Amino acid sequence: MSASLGWYDVAAQHYRVFMFALWDLRHRFPGMSVTSWGRTPHHNASLAVSVPDSQHLEWTAVDIVGDAAMRPETAALEHAAV
């Protein structure tokens, strides 16, 4: 068995890290909601603020909002997401 990872294994690892980061953000910012995750190319193209190579097409991007009463400062959220 080869020690190198195939593209599927690398993609699965990347996705697990992405999912764990979302889980972590949810616990740090309990008022957080996801408003957009994966998109079809058609849906992505229909959005005024989308880009053709959006990570939403790969299901590795999310748009989030915070409940008004629990909305964190933007700097705190950006720092936590790094």
C-alpha atoms as a PDB file:
ATOM      1  CA  MET A   1       0.000   0.000   0.000  1.00  0.00           C
ATOM      2  CA  SER A   2       1.364   3.403  -1.005  1.00  0.00           C
ATOM      3  CA  ALA A   3       2.139   5.975   1.683  1.00  0.00           C
ATOM      4  CA  SER A   4       1.178   8.868  -0.590  1.00  0.00           C
ATOM      5  CA  LEU A   5      -2.325  10.249  -0.517  1.00  0.00           C
ATOM      6  CA  GLY A   6      -4.500  10.287  -3.586  1.00  0.00           C
ATOM      7  CA  TRP A   7      -6.504  13.350  -4.604  1.00  0.00           C
ATOM      8  CA  TYR A   8      -9.625  11.976  -2.899  1.00  0.00           C
ATOM      9  CA  ASP A   9      -7.793  11.510   0.409  1.00  0.00           C
ATOM     10  CA  VAL A  10      -6.354  15.029   0.245  1.00  0.00           C
ATOM     11  CA  ALA A  11      -9.792  16.469  -0.565  1.00  0.00           C
ATOM     12  CA  ALA A  12     -11.370  14.503   2.295  1.00  0.00           C
ATOM     13  CA  GLN A  13      -8.728  15.790   4.709  1.00  0.00           C
ATOM     14  CA  HIS A  14      -9.316  19.367   3.552  1.00  0.00           C
ATOM     15  CA  TYR A  15     -13.077  18.965   3.994  1.00  0.00           C
ATOM     16  CA  ARG A  16     -12.676  17.534   7.510  1.00  0.00           C
ATOM     17  CA  VAL A  17     -10.544  20.537   8.512  1.00  0.00           C
ATOM     18  CA  PHE A  18     -13.158  22.877   7.006  1.00  0.00           C
ATOM     19  CA  MET A  19     -15.991  21.144   8.866  1.00  0.00           C
ATOM     20  CA  PHE A  20     -14.106  21.184  12.166  1.00  0.00           C
ATOM     21  CA  ALA A  21     -13.418  24.919  11.724  1.00  0.00           C
ATOM     22  CA  LEU A  22     -17.155  25.551  11.209  1.00  0.00           C
ATOM     23  CA  TRP A  23     -17.981  23.472  14.264  1.00  0.00           C
ATOM     24  CA  ASP A  24     -15.433  25.464  16.278  1.00  0.00           C
ATOM     25  CA  LEU A  25     -16.830  28.806  15.082  1.00  0.00           C
ATOM     26  CA  ARG A  26     -20.354  27.687  15.978  1.00  0.00           C
ATOM     27  CA  HIS A  27     -19.254  27.083  19.560  1.00  0.00           C
ATOM     28  CA  ARG A  28     -17.293  30.322  19.816  1.00  0.00           C
ATOM     29  CA  PHE A  29     -20.122  32.360  18.297  1.00  0.00           C
ATOM     30  CA  PRO A  30     -23.394  30.619  19.239  1.00  0.00           C
ATOM     31  CA  GLY A  31     -25.513  33.208  17.412  1.00  0.00           C
ATOM     32  CA  MET A  32     -23.973  32.256  14.062  1.00  0.00           C
ATOM     33  CA  SER A  33     -26.091  30.923  11.186  1.00  0.00           C
ATOM     34  CA  VAL A  34     -25.019  29.674   7.761  1.00  0.00           C
ATOM     35  CA  THR A  35     -26.996  31.325   4.962  1.00  0.00           C
ATOM     36  CA  SER A  36     -25.226  29.753   1.977  1.00  0.00           C
ATOM     37  CA  TRP A  37     -22.976  26.757   1.568  1.00  0.00           C
ATOM     38  CA  GLY A  38     -22.678  24.721  -1.607  1.00  0.00           C
ATOM     39  CA  ARG A  39     -23.989  26.067  -4.879  1.00  0.00           C
ATOM     40  CA  THR A  40     -24.608  24.776  -8.366  1.00  0.00           C
ATOM     41  CA  PRO A  41     -22.860  26.727 -11.143  1.00  0.00           C
ATOM     42  CA  HIS A  42     -26.271  28.008 -12.275  1.00  0.00           C
ATOM     43  CA  HIS A  43     -27.204  29.282  -8.808  1.00  0.00           C
ATOM     44  CA  ASN A  44     -23.751  30.806  -8.299  1.00  0.00           C
ATOM     45  CA  ALA A  45     -23.948  32.682 -11.624  1.00  0.00           C
ATOM     46  CA  SER A  46     -27.367  34.069 -10.700  1.00  0.00           C
ATOM     47  CA  LEU A  47     -25.999  35.892  -7.651  1.00  0.00           C
ATOM     48  CA  ALA A  48     -24.914  39.505  -8.077  1.00  0.00           C
ATOM     49  CA  VAL A  49     -21.906  39.167  -5.767  1.00  0.00           C
ATOM     50  CA  SER A  50     -20.621  35.756  -6.863  1.00  0.00           C
ATOM     51  CA  VAL A  51     -17.359  34.997  -8.620  1.00  0.00           C
ATOM     52  CA  PRO A  52     -16.969  32.287 -11.270  1.00  0.00           C
ATOM     53  CA  ASP A  53     -14.389  30.326  -9.243  1.00  0.00           C
ATOM     54  CA  SER A  54     -16.278  30.561  -5.929  1.00  0.00           C
ATOM     55  CA  GLN A  55     -15.346  27.984  -3.310  1.00  0.00           C
ATOM     56  CA  HIS A  56     -19.104  27.537  -2.834  1.00  0.00           C
ATOM     57  CA  LEU A  57     -18.939  25.435  -6.021  1.00  0.00           C
ATOM     58  CA  GLU A  58     -16.600  23.041  -4.194  1.00  0.00           C
ATOM     59  CA  TRP A  59     -18.703  23.155  -0.987  1.00  0.00           C
ATOM     60  CA  THR A  60     -15.732  24.615   0.898  1.00  0.00           C
ATOM     61  CA  ALA A  61     -17.132  28.090   1.610  1.00  0.00           C
ATOM     62  CA  VAL A  62     -19.996  29.377   3.682  1.00  0.00           C
ATOM     63  CA  ASP A  63     -21.698  32.697   4.138  1.00  0.00           C
ATOM     64  CA  ILE A  64     -22.555  33.353   7.754  1.00  0.00           C
ATOM     65  CA  VAL A  65     -24.578  35.886   9.692  1.00  0.00           C
ATOM     66  CA  GLY A  66     -24.935  36.503  13.374  1.00  0.00           C
ATOM     67  CA  ASP A  67     -28.102  37.059  15.327  1.00  0.00           C
ATOM     68  CA  ALA A  68     -28.357  40.779  16.069  1.00  0.00           C
ATOM     69  CA  ALA A  69     -28.224  40.267  19.834  1.00  0.00           C
ATOM     70  CA  MET A  70     -25.130  38.054  19.625  1.00  0.00           C
ATOM     71  CA  ARG A  71     -23.276  39.474  16.631  1.00  0.00           C
ATOM     72  CA  PRO A  72     -19.505  39.428  17.261  1.00  0.00           C
ATOM     73  CA  GLU A  73     -17.194  42.213  16.199  1.00  0.00           C
ATOM     74  CA  THR A  74     -15.936  41.577  12.662  1.00  0.00           C
ATOM     75  CA  ALA A  75     -12.311  41.576  13.806  1.00  0.00           C
ATOM     76  CA  ALA A  76     -13.021  38.848  16.395  1.00  0.00           C
ATOM     77  CA  LEU A  77     -14.721  36.661  13.810  1.00  0.00           C
ATOM     78  CA  GLU A  78     -11.938  37.169  11.246  1.00  0.00           C
ATOM     79  CA  HIS A  79      -9.286  36.354  13.849  1.00  0.00           C
ATOM     80  CA  ALA A  80     -11.118  33.161  14.875  1.00  0.00           C
ATOM     81  CA  ALA A  81     -11.519  32.049  11.258  1.00  0.00           C
ATOM     82  CA  VAL A  82      -7.786  32.107  10.500  1.00  0.00           C
END
